[in-house]
C-alpha atoms as a PDB file:
ATOM      1  CA  UNK A   1     -29.410  68.728 -76.136  1.00  0.00           C
ATOM      2  CA  UNK A   2     -29.280  72.367 -75.064  1.00  0.00           C
ATOM      3  CA  UNK A   3     -32.747  72.019 -73.609  1.00  0.00           C
ATOM      4  CA  UNK A   4     -31.548  69.161 -71.399  1.00  0.00           C
ATOM      5  CA  UNK A   5     -28.606  71.262 -70.163  1.00  0.00           C
ATOM      6  CA  UNK A   6     -30.914  74.121 -69.289  1.00  0.00           C
ATOM      7  CA  UNK A   7     -33.270  71.827 -67.422  1.00  0.00           C
ATOM      8  CA  UNK A   8     -30.409  70.244 -65.477  1.00  0.00           C
ATOM      9  CA  UNK A   9     -29.008  73.653 -64.556  1.00  0.00           C
ATOM     10  CA  UNK A  10     -32.416  74.837 -63.413  1.00  0.00           C
ATOM     11  CA  UNK A  11     -32.853  71.730 -61.288  1.00  0.00           C
ATOM     12  CA  UNK A  12     -29.409  72.238 -59.682  1.00  0.00           C
ATOM     13  CA  UNK A  13     -30.198  75.853 -58.822  1.00  0.00           C
ATOM     14  CA  UNK A  14     -33.566  74.812 -57.340  1.00  0.00           C
ATOM     15  CA  UNK A  15     -31.940  72.130 -55.151  1.00  0.00           C
ATOM     16  CA  UNK A  16     -29.257  74.528 -53.932  1.00  0.00           C
ATOM     17  CA  UNK A  17     -31.944  76.954 -52.757  1.00  0.00           C
ATOM     18  CA  UNK A  18     -34.168  74.261 -51.233  1.00  0.00           C
ATOM     19  CA  UNK A  19     -34.485  73.951 -47.405  1.00  0.00           C
ATOM     20  CA  UNK A  20     -32.239  70.862 -47.492  1.00  0.00           C
ATOM     21  CA  UNK A  21     -29.236  73.025 -48.417  1.00  0.00           C
ATOM     22  CA  UNK A  22     -30.215  75.884 -46.122  1.00  0.00           C
ATOM     23  CA  UNK A  23     -29.798  74.161 -42.776  1.00  0.00           C
ATOM     24  CA  UNK A  24     -27.040  74.159 -40.151  1.00  0.00           C
ATOM     25  CA  UNK A  25     -25.326  70.775 -39.638  1.00  0.00           C
ATOM     26  CA  UNK A  26     -23.533  69.839 -36.407  1.00  0.00           C
ATOM     27  CA  UNK A  27     -21.491  66.718 -35.675  1.00  0.00           C
ATOM     28  CA  UNK A  28     -18.657  65.399 -33.554  1.00  0.00           C
ATOM     29  CA  UNK A  29     -15.662  63.491 -34.858  1.00  0.00           C
ATOM     30  CA  UNK A  30     -15.314  61.773 -31.449  1.00  0.00           C
ATOM     31  CA  UNK A  31     -18.662  61.329 -29.696  1.00  0.00           C
ATOM     32  CA  UNK A  32     -17.140  59.253 -26.881  1.00  0.00           C
ATOM     33  CA  UNK A  33     -14.110  60.570 -24.968  1.00  0.00           C
ATOM     34  CA  UNK A  34     -12.129  58.732 -22.265  1.00  0.00           C
ATOM     35  CA  UNK A  35      -9.283  60.463 -20.475  1.00  0.00           C
ATOM     36  CA  UNK A  36      -7.358  59.969 -17.243  1.00  0.00           C
ATOM     37  CA  UNK A  37      -8.057  62.139 -14.218  1.00  0.00           C
ATOM     38  CA  UNK A  38      -6.093  65.445 -14.085  1.00  0.00           C
ATOM     39  CA  UNK A  39      -5.467  65.504 -17.875  1.00  0.00           C
ATOM     40  CA  UNK A  40      -7.121  67.626 -20.596  1.00  0.00           C
ATOM     41  CA  UNK A  41     -10.303  66.476 -22.357  1.00  0.00           C
ATOM     42  CA  UNK A  42     -11.174  67.653 -25.860  1.00  0.00           C
ATOM     43  CA  UNK A  43     -14.877  67.565 -26.811  1.00  0.00           C
ATOM     44  CA  UNK A  44     -14.962  67.923 -30.555  1.00  0.00           C
ATOM     45  CA  UNK A  45     -17.770  69.758 -32.299  1.00  0.00           C
ATOM     46  CA  UNK A  46     -17.849  70.637 -36.002  1.00  0.00           C
ATOM     47  CA  UNK A  47     -20.557  72.626 -37.773  1.00  0.00           C
ATOM     48  CA  UNK A  48     -21.445  74.009 -41.196  1.00  0.00           C
ATOM     49  CA  UNK A  49     -23.903  76.772 -42.083  1.00  0.00           C
ATOM     50  CA  UNK A  50     -25.203  77.850 -45.473  1.00  0.00           C
ATOM     51  CA  UNK A  51     -25.903  81.525 -44.836  1.00  0.00           C
ATOM     52  CA  UNK A  52     -25.214  82.552 -41.238  1.00  0.00           C
ATOM     53  CA  UNK A  53     -21.551  83.386 -40.816  1.00  0.00           C
ATOM     54  CA  UNK A  54     -21.815  84.186 -37.114  1.00  0.00           C
ATOM     55  CA  UNK A  55     -23.904  81.445 -35.456  1.00  0.00           C
ATOM     56  CA  UNK A  56     -24.487  81.220 -31.730  1.00  0.00           C
ATOM     57  CA  UNK A  57     -22.561  78.364 -30.041  1.00  0.00           C
ATOM     58  CA  UNK A  58     -23.559  76.852 -26.714  1.00  0.00           C
ATOM     59  CA  UNK A  59     -22.425  73.875 -24.674  1.00  0.00           C
ATOM     60  CA  UNK A  60     -24.608  72.210 -22.045  1.00  0.00           C
ATOM     61  CA  UNK A  61     -24.155  69.352 -19.618  1.00  0.00           C
ATOM     62  CA  UNK A  62     -27.032  66.937 -19.145  1.00  0.00           C
ATOM     63  CA  UNK A  63     -27.735  65.438 -15.714  1.00  0.00           C
ATOM     64  CA  UNK A  64     -30.646  65.724 -13.325  1.00  0.00           C
ATOM     65  CA  UNK A  65     -31.217  68.962 -15.138  1.00  0.00           C
ATOM     66  CA  UNK A  66     -29.377  70.886 -17.901  1.00  0.00           C
ATOM     67  CA  UNK A  67     -26.378  73.049 -16.913  1.00  0.00           C
ATOM     68  CA  UNK A  68     -24.846  75.670 -19.153  1.00  0.00           C
ATOM     69  CA  UNK A  69     -21.111  75.248 -19.734  1.00  0.00           C
ATOM     70  CA  UNK A  70     -20.616  77.847 -22.423  1.00  0.00           C
ATOM     71  CA  UNK A  71     -23.234  80.524 -23.020  1.00  0.00           C
ATOM     72  CA  UNK A  72     -23.258  84.016 -24.487  1.00  0.00           C
ATOM     73  CA  UNK A  73     -19.607  83.767 -25.601  1.00  0.00           C
ATOM     74  CA  UNK A  74     -18.272  82.886 -22.137  1.00  0.00           C
ATOM     75  CA  UNK A  75     -17.906  79.963 -19.750  1.00  0.00           C
ATOM     76  CA  UNK A  76     -20.117  79.771 -16.724  1.00  0.00           C
ATOM     77  CA  UNK A  77     -19.455  78.982 -13.048  1.00  0.00           C
ATOM     78  CA  UNK A  78     -16.816  76.337 -12.335  1.00  0.00           C
ATOM     79  CA  UNK A  79     -15.743  76.180 -16.010  1.00  0.00           C
ATOM     80  CA  UNK A  80     -14.700  79.809 -16.259  1.00  0.00           C
ATOM     81  CA  UNK A  81     -10.984  79.321 -15.449  1.00  0.00           C
ATOM     82  CA  UNK A  82     -10.328  75.826 -16.760  1.00  0.00           C
ATOM     83  CA  UNK A  83     -11.775  75.584 -20.255  1.00  0.00           C
ATOM     84  CA  UNK A  84     -11.287  77.052 -23.701  1.00  0.00           C
ATOM     85  CA  UNK A  85     -13.087  77.165 -27.036  1.00  0.00           C
ATOM     86  CA  UNK A  86     -11.640  76.745 -30.533  1.00  0.00           C
ATOM     87  CA  UNK A  87     -14.392  77.124 -33.072  1.00  0.00           C
ATOM     88  CA  UNK A  88     -17.081  74.997 -31.464  1.00  0.00           C
ATOM     89  CA  UNK A  89     -14.686  72.496 -29.916  1.00  0.00           C
ATOM     90  CA  UNK A  90     -14.518  72.566 -26.096  1.00  0.00           C
ATOM     91  CA  UNK A  91     -11.391  71.696 -24.048  1.00  0.00           C
ATOM     92  CA  UNK A  92     -11.388  71.063 -20.312  1.00  0.00           C
ATOM     93  CA  UNK A  93      -8.151  71.380 -18.360  1.00  0.00           C
ATOM     94  CA  UNK A  94      -7.321  68.939 -15.523  1.00  0.00           C
ATOM     95  CA  UNK A  95     -10.573  67.027 -15.452  1.00  0.00           C
ATOM     96  CA  UNK A  96     -11.932  65.145 -12.447  1.00  0.00           C
ATOM     97  CA  UNK A  97     -14.577  62.468 -12.009  1.00  0.00           C
ATOM     98  CA  UNK A  98     -17.171  65.202 -11.495  1.00  0.00           C
ATOM     99  CA  UNK A  99     -16.701  66.209 -15.138  1.00  0.00           C
ATOM    100  CA  UNK A 100     -17.880  62.818 -16.415  1.00  0.00           C
ATOM    101  CA  UNK A 101     -21.225  62.931 -18.170  1.00  0.00           C
ATOM    102  CA  UNK A 102     -23.067  63.774 -21.366  1.00  0.00           C
ATOM    103  CA  UNK A 103     -22.453  67.118 -23.048  1.00  0.00           C
ATOM    104  CA  UNK A 104     -24.384  68.757 -25.899  1.00  0.00           C
ATOM    105  CA  UNK A 105     -22.981  71.161 -28.474  1.00  0.00           C
ATOM    106  CA  UNK A 106     -25.683  73.425 -29.892  1.00  0.00           C
ATOM    107  CA  UNK A 107     -25.243  75.741 -32.907  1.00  0.00           C
ATOM    108  CA  UNK A 108     -27.954  78.229 -33.779  1.00  0.00           C
ATOM    109  CA  UNK A 109     -27.815  79.815 -37.249  1.00  0.00           C
ATOM    110  CA  UNK A 110     -30.792  82.180 -37.424  1.00  0.00           C
ATOM    111  CA  UNK A 111     -30.344  82.881 -41.155  1.00  0.00           C
ATOM    112  CA  UNK A 112     -30.537  79.230 -42.174  1.00  0.00           C
ATOM    113  CA  UNK A 113     -33.874  77.547 -42.891  1.00  0.00           C
ATOM    114  CA  UNK A 114     -33.309  74.946 -40.187  1.00  0.00           C
ATOM    115  CA  UNK A 115     -31.659  77.151 -37.575  1.00  0.00           C
ATOM    116  CA  UNK A 116     -30.675  74.700 -34.826  1.00  0.00           C
ATOM    117  CA  UNK A 117     -28.223  71.781 -34.961  1.00  0.00           C
ATOM    118  CA  UNK A 118     -26.737  69.800 -32.126  1.00  0.00           C
ATOM    119  CA  UNK A 119     -24.277  66.951 -31.338  1.00  0.00           C
ATOM    120  CA  UNK A 120     -23.763  64.916 -28.188  1.00  0.00           C
ATOM    121  CA  UNK A 121     -20.402  63.971 -26.656  1.00  0.00           C
ATOM    122  CA  UNK A 122     -19.997  61.607 -23.695  1.00  0.00           C
ATOM    123  CA  UNK A 123     -17.006  62.190 -21.398  1.00  0.00           C
ATOM    124  CA  UNK A 124     -15.755  59.415 -19.126  1.00  0.00           C
ATOM    125  CA  UNK A 125     -12.972  60.353 -16.704  1.00  0.00           C
ATOM    126  CA  UNK A 126     -10.857  57.340 -15.648  1.00  0.00           C
ATOM    127  CA  UNK A 127      -9.634  57.255 -12.056  1.00  0.00           C
ATOM    128  CA  UNK A 128      -6.837  54.963 -10.737  1.00  0.00           C
ATOM    129  CA  UNK A 129      -7.317  52.930  -7.555  1.00  0.00           C
ATOM    130  CA  UNK A 130      -7.391  54.689  -4.217  1.00  0.00           C
ATOM    131  CA  UNK A 131      -6.441  53.236  -0.825  1.00  0.00           C
ATOM    132  CA  UNK A 132      -9.470  51.104   0.091  1.00  0.00           C
ATOM    133  CA  UNK A 133     -11.232  51.069   3.432  1.00  0.00           C
ATOM    134  CA  UNK A 134     -10.835  47.696   5.139  1.00  0.00           C
ATOM    135  CA  UNK A 135     -13.060  46.358   7.952  1.00  0.00           C
ATOM    136  CA  UNK A 136     -11.250  43.742  10.035  1.00  0.00           C
ATOM    137  CA  UNK A 137     -12.282  43.105  13.663  1.00  0.00           C
ATOM    138  CA  UNK A 138      -9.498  42.824  16.214  1.00  0.00           C
ATOM    139  CA  UNK A 139     -10.822  39.516  17.618  1.00  0.00           C
ATOM    140  CA  UNK A 140     -13.490  36.885  17.069  1.00  0.00           C
ATOM    141  CA  UNK A 141     -14.521  33.717  18.891  1.00  0.00           C
ATOM    142  CA  UNK A 142     -13.661  30.245  17.623  1.00  0.00           C
ATOM    143  CA  UNK A 143     -16.419  28.775  15.452  1.00  0.00           C
ATOM    144  CA  UNK A 144     -18.030  32.130  14.626  1.00  0.00           C
ATOM    145  CA  UNK A 145     -18.962  33.222  11.123  1.00  0.00           C
ATOM    146  CA  UNK A 146     -17.048  36.250   9.878  1.00  0.00           C
ATOM    147  CA  UNK A 147     -17.081  38.659   6.906  1.00  0.00           C
ATOM    148  CA  UNK A 148     -14.245  41.075   6.154  1.00  0.00           C
ATOM    149  CA  UNK A 149     -15.104  44.051   3.952  1.00  0.00           C
ATOM    150  CA  UNK A 150     -13.031  46.134   1.512  1.00  0.00           C
ATOM    151  CA  UNK A 151     -14.207  49.121  -0.569  1.00  0.00           C
ATOM    152  CA  UNK A 152     -12.719  51.649  -2.964  1.00  0.00           C
ATOM    153  CA  UNK A 153     -15.562  54.034  -3.959  1.00  0.00           C
ATOM    154  CA  UNK A 154     -13.504  56.363  -6.134  1.00  0.00           C
ATOM    155  CA  UNK A 155     -11.840  54.243  -8.859  1.00  0.00           C
ATOM    156  CA  UNK A 156     -13.225  54.267 -12.407  1.00  0.00           C
ATOM    157  CA  UNK A 157     -13.734  51.677 -13.800  1.00  0.00           C
ATOM    158  CA  UNK A 158     -14.785  50.011 -10.503  1.00  0.00           C
ATOM    159  CA  UNK A 159     -11.959  48.247  -8.702  1.00  0.00           C
ATOM    160  CA  UNK A 160     -11.562  44.521  -8.191  1.00  0.00           C
ATOM    161  CA  UNK A 161     -10.286  43.256  -4.867  1.00  0.00           C
ATOM    162  CA  UNK A 162      -7.869  40.701  -3.428  1.00  0.00           C
ATOM    163  CA  UNK A 163      -7.252  39.757   0.176  1.00  0.00           C
ATOM    164  CA  UNK A 164      -3.913  38.910   1.781  1.00  0.00           C
ATOM    165  CA  UNK A 165      -3.098  37.159   5.031  1.00  0.00           C
ATOM    166  CA  UNK A 166       0.404  37.680   6.395  1.00  0.00           C
ATOM    167  CA  UNK A 167       1.318  39.150   2.947  1.00  0.00           C
ATOM    168  CA  UNK A 168       0.230  35.953   1.144  1.00  0.00           C
ATOM    169  CA  UNK A 169      -2.639  36.149  -1.360  1.00  0.00           C
ATOM    170  CA  UNK A 170      -5.726  34.167  -0.308  1.00  0.00           C
ATOM    171  CA  UNK A 171      -7.074  31.916  -3.053  1.00  0.00           C
ATOM    172  CA  UNK A 172     -10.404  30.308  -2.175  1.00  0.00           C
ATOM    173  CA  UNK A 173     -10.996  26.729  -3.199  1.00  0.00           C
ATOM    174  CA  UNK A 174     -13.279  23.768  -2.376  1.00  0.00           C
ATOM    175  CA  UNK A 175     -10.946  22.850   0.515  1.00  0.00           C
ATOM    176  CA  UNK A 176     -10.779  26.246   2.210  1.00  0.00           C
ATOM    177  CA  UNK A 177     -13.203  27.465   4.885  1.00  0.00           C
ATOM    178  CA  UNK A 178     -13.563  30.894   3.295  1.00  0.00           C
ATOM    179  CA  UNK A 179     -14.858  32.486   0.076  1.00  0.00           C
ATOM    180  CA  UNK A 180     -14.023  35.814  -1.596  1.00  0.00           C
ATOM    181  CA  UNK A 181     -16.019  38.126  -3.867  1.00  0.00           C
ATOM    182  CA  UNK A 182     -13.548  40.064  -6.024  1.00  0.00           C
ATOM    183  CA  UNK A 183     -16.152  42.592  -7.211  1.00  0.00           C
ATOM    184  CA  UNK A 184     -17.685  43.340  -3.808  1.00  0.00           C
ATOM    185  CA  UNK A 185     -14.463  43.095  -1.822  1.00  0.00           C
ATOM    186  CA  UNK A 186     -15.730  40.635   0.804  1.00  0.00           C
ATOM    187  CA  UNK A 187     -13.878  37.747   2.435  1.00  0.00           C
ATOM    188  CA  UNK A 188     -16.287  35.405   4.263  1.00  0.00           C
ATOM    189  CA  UNK A 189     -15.495  32.627   6.747  1.00  0.00           C
ATOM    190  CA  UNK A 190     -18.154  30.025   7.580  1.00  0.00           C
ATOM    191  CA  UNK A 191     -16.484  29.035  10.856  1.00  0.00           C
ATOM    192  CA  UNK A 192     -13.133  30.512  12.006  1.00  0.00           C
ATOM    193  CA  UNK A 193     -10.430  28.503  13.706  1.00  0.00           C
ATOM    194  CA  UNK A 194      -7.211  29.387  15.486  1.00  0.00           C
ATOM    195  CA  UNK A 195      -5.249  29.037  12.245  1.00  0.00           C
ATOM    196  CA  UNK A 196      -7.195  31.993  10.810  1.00  0.00           C
ATOM    197  CA  UNK A 197      -5.370  34.349  13.187  1.00  0.00           C
ATOM    198  CA  UNK A 198      -3.116  36.710  11.312  1.00  0.00           C
ATOM    199  CA  UNK A 199      -2.544  40.077   9.626  1.00  0.00           C
ATOM    200  CA  UNK A 200      -5.145  40.839   6.948  1.00  0.00           C
ATOM    201  CA  UNK A 201      -5.092  43.498   4.238  1.00  0.00           C
ATOM    202  CA  UNK A 202      -6.987  44.135   1.019  1.00  0.00           C
ATOM    203  CA  UNK A 203      -5.732  45.393  -2.370  1.00  0.00           C
ATOM    204  CA  UNK A 204      -7.858  47.274  -4.959  1.00  0.00           C
ATOM    205  CA  UNK A 205      -6.906  47.440  -8.639  1.00  0.00           C
ATOM    206  CA  UNK A 206      -8.209  48.488 -12.068  1.00  0.00           C
ATOM    207  CA  UNK A 207      -6.855  49.039 -15.589  1.00  0.00           C
ATOM    208  CA  UNK A 208      -6.002  52.725 -15.044  1.00  0.00           C
ATOM    209  CA  UNK A 209      -3.230  52.788 -12.418  1.00  0.00           C
ATOM    210  CA  UNK A 210      -1.165  50.850  -9.906  1.00  0.00           C
ATOM    211  CA  UNK A 211      -2.956  48.760  -7.203  1.00  0.00           C
ATOM    212  CA  UNK A 212      -3.451  50.301  -3.752  1.00  0.00           C
ATOM    213  CA  UNK A 213      -3.605  48.472  -0.435  1.00  0.00           C
ATOM    214  CA  UNK A 214      -4.945  49.308   3.009  1.00  0.00           C
ATOM    215  CA  UNK A 215      -2.782  48.907   6.099  1.00  0.00           C
ATOM    216  CA  UNK A 216      -2.741  45.336   7.400  1.00  0.00           C
ATOM    217  CA  UNK A 217      -4.864  44.709  10.516  1.00  0.00           C
ATOM    218  CA  UNK A 218      -4.453  42.026  13.176  1.00  0.00           C
ATOM    219  CA  UNK A 219      -7.262  39.462  13.561  1.00  0.00           C
ATOM    220  CA  UNK A 220      -7.187  37.153  16.590  1.00  0.00           C
ATOM    221  CA  UNK A 221      -9.310  34.049  16.899  1.00  0.00           C
ATOM    222  CA  UNK A 222      -9.873  33.348  20.634  1.00  0.00           C
ATOM    223  CA  UNK A 223     -11.627  30.722  22.755  1.00  0.00           C
ATOM    224  CA  UNK A 224     -14.777  31.542  24.675  1.00  0.00           C
ATOM    225  CA  UNK A 225     -13.940  32.675  28.242  1.00  0.00           C
ATOM    226  CA  UNK A 226     -14.438  30.015  30.977  1.00  0.00           C
ATOM    227  CA  UNK A 227     -17.338  31.898  32.649  1.00  0.00           C
ATOM    228  CA  UNK A 228     -18.994  32.240  29.268  1.00  0.00           C
ATOM    229  CA  UNK A 229     -18.550  28.496  28.633  1.00  0.00           C
ATOM    230  CA  UNK A 230     -19.977  27.626  32.012  1.00  0.00           C
ATOM    231  CA  UNK A 231     -22.935  29.926  31.479  1.00  0.00           C
ATOM    232  CA  UNK A 232     -23.687  28.445  28.079  1.00  0.00           C
ATOM    233  CA  UNK A 233     -23.310  24.896  29.407  1.00  0.00           C
ATOM    234  CA  UNK A 234     -25.584  25.689  32.386  1.00  0.00           C
ATOM    235  CA  UNK A 235     -28.236  27.201  30.195  1.00  0.00           C
ATOM    236  CA  UNK A 236     -28.141  24.221  27.850  1.00  0.00           C
ATOM    237  CA  UNK A 237     -28.442  21.790  30.813  1.00  0.00           C
ATOM    238  CA  UNK A 238     -31.421  23.765  32.236  1.00  0.00           C
ATOM    239  CA  UNK A 239     -33.201  23.706  28.929  1.00  0.00           C
ATOM    240  CA  UNK A 240     -32.572  19.981  28.587  1.00  0.00           C
ATOM    241  CA  UNK A 241     -33.944  19.409  32.133  1.00  0.00           C
ATOM    242  CA  UNK A 242     -37.113  21.444  31.367  1.00  0.00           C
ATOM    243  CA  UNK A 243     -37.621  19.544  28.109  1.00  0.00           C
ATOM    244  CA  UNK A 244     -37.154  16.189  29.940  1.00  0.00           C
ATOM    245  CA  UNK A 245     -39.702  17.161  32.573  1.00  0.00           C
ATOM    246  CA  UNK A 246     -42.241  18.160  29.938  1.00  0.00           C
ATOM    247  CA  UNK A 247     -41.808  14.844  28.163  1.00  0.00           C
ATOM    248  CA  UNK A 248     -42.237  12.901  31.380  1.00  0.00           C
ATOM    249  CA  UNK A 249     -45.459  14.749  32.244  1.00  0.00           C
ATOM    250  CA  UNK A 250     -46.897  14.118  28.762  1.00  0.00           C
ATOM    251  CA  UNK A 251     -46.058  10.404  28.907  1.00  0.00           C
ATOM    252  CA  UNK A 252     -47.557  10.153  32.381  1.00  0.00           C
ATOM    253  CA  UNK A 253     -50.826  11.754  31.306  1.00  0.00           C
ATOM    254  CA  UNK A 254     -51.161   9.485  28.301  1.00  0.00           C
ATOM    255  CA  UNK A 255     -50.654   6.371  30.432  1.00  0.00           C
ATOM    256  CA  UNK A 256     -53.038   7.590  33.089  1.00  0.00           C
ATOM    257  CA  UNK A 257     -50.471   7.551  35.869  1.00  0.00           C
ATOM    258  CA  UNK A 258     -51.708  10.827  37.311  1.00  0.00           C
ATOM    259  CA  UNK A 259     -55.363   9.584  37.610  1.00  0.00           C
ATOM    260  CA  UNK A 260     -54.361   6.354  39.388  1.00  0.00           C
ATOM    261  CA  UNK A 261     -52.335   8.251  41.978  1.00  0.00           C
ATOM    262  CA  UNK A 262     -55.297  10.544  42.703  1.00  0.00           C
ATOM    263  CA  UNK A 263     -57.592   7.567  43.265  1.00  0.00           C
END
């Protein structure tokens, strides 16, 4: 019995001194962080070492390349005056959309058998809707096709859109002469008529903040000018006359009319 106890104690001591127990371990209690714009973001990083009591801690941001955020016991560049460290946990103050991305916490314990450990934290900064840009022409001719465009490039998650005419929401259906794409922000008319004249505006919205709308713009649907109508009618008549003459010549040649006249 005593022999078994001695063997168990020996095995325990061996395991405690094995490389498995002599490595730094790094993790994050919250690997995905979502916060609103202009608030603080906490990027958690916890670590444990077996021997090294003063490990080196670094934070990096991954993008097109790798950017140092915290290096050599201090923050770099733009992070110098708006971040703090507590242990290995990083806190950003008043974040913006530019801060969104993937960050890596690295802990180097040179005295441990496996000296490097790391954890990844993804930060997503949520942005409420901004006033969208709306493209509405001042006038368009009757019967023309038309597409109105609306875009909010800043909101996160991406905004959805709704169009209004004279402050009434437009709801496309099988009976209407227009269609709307709520994700792209377009309002498309197949053929405009006089009743489509009015004040148009677009509203962008997402789950983060209150909807925002552009200033309403006047759209007028007008008739073609008389001189334009005459010109189009004249051109159509000329083309019809030329086509008629060509047909007559072809028919005459097939029937041999031209040869008989020559004889």
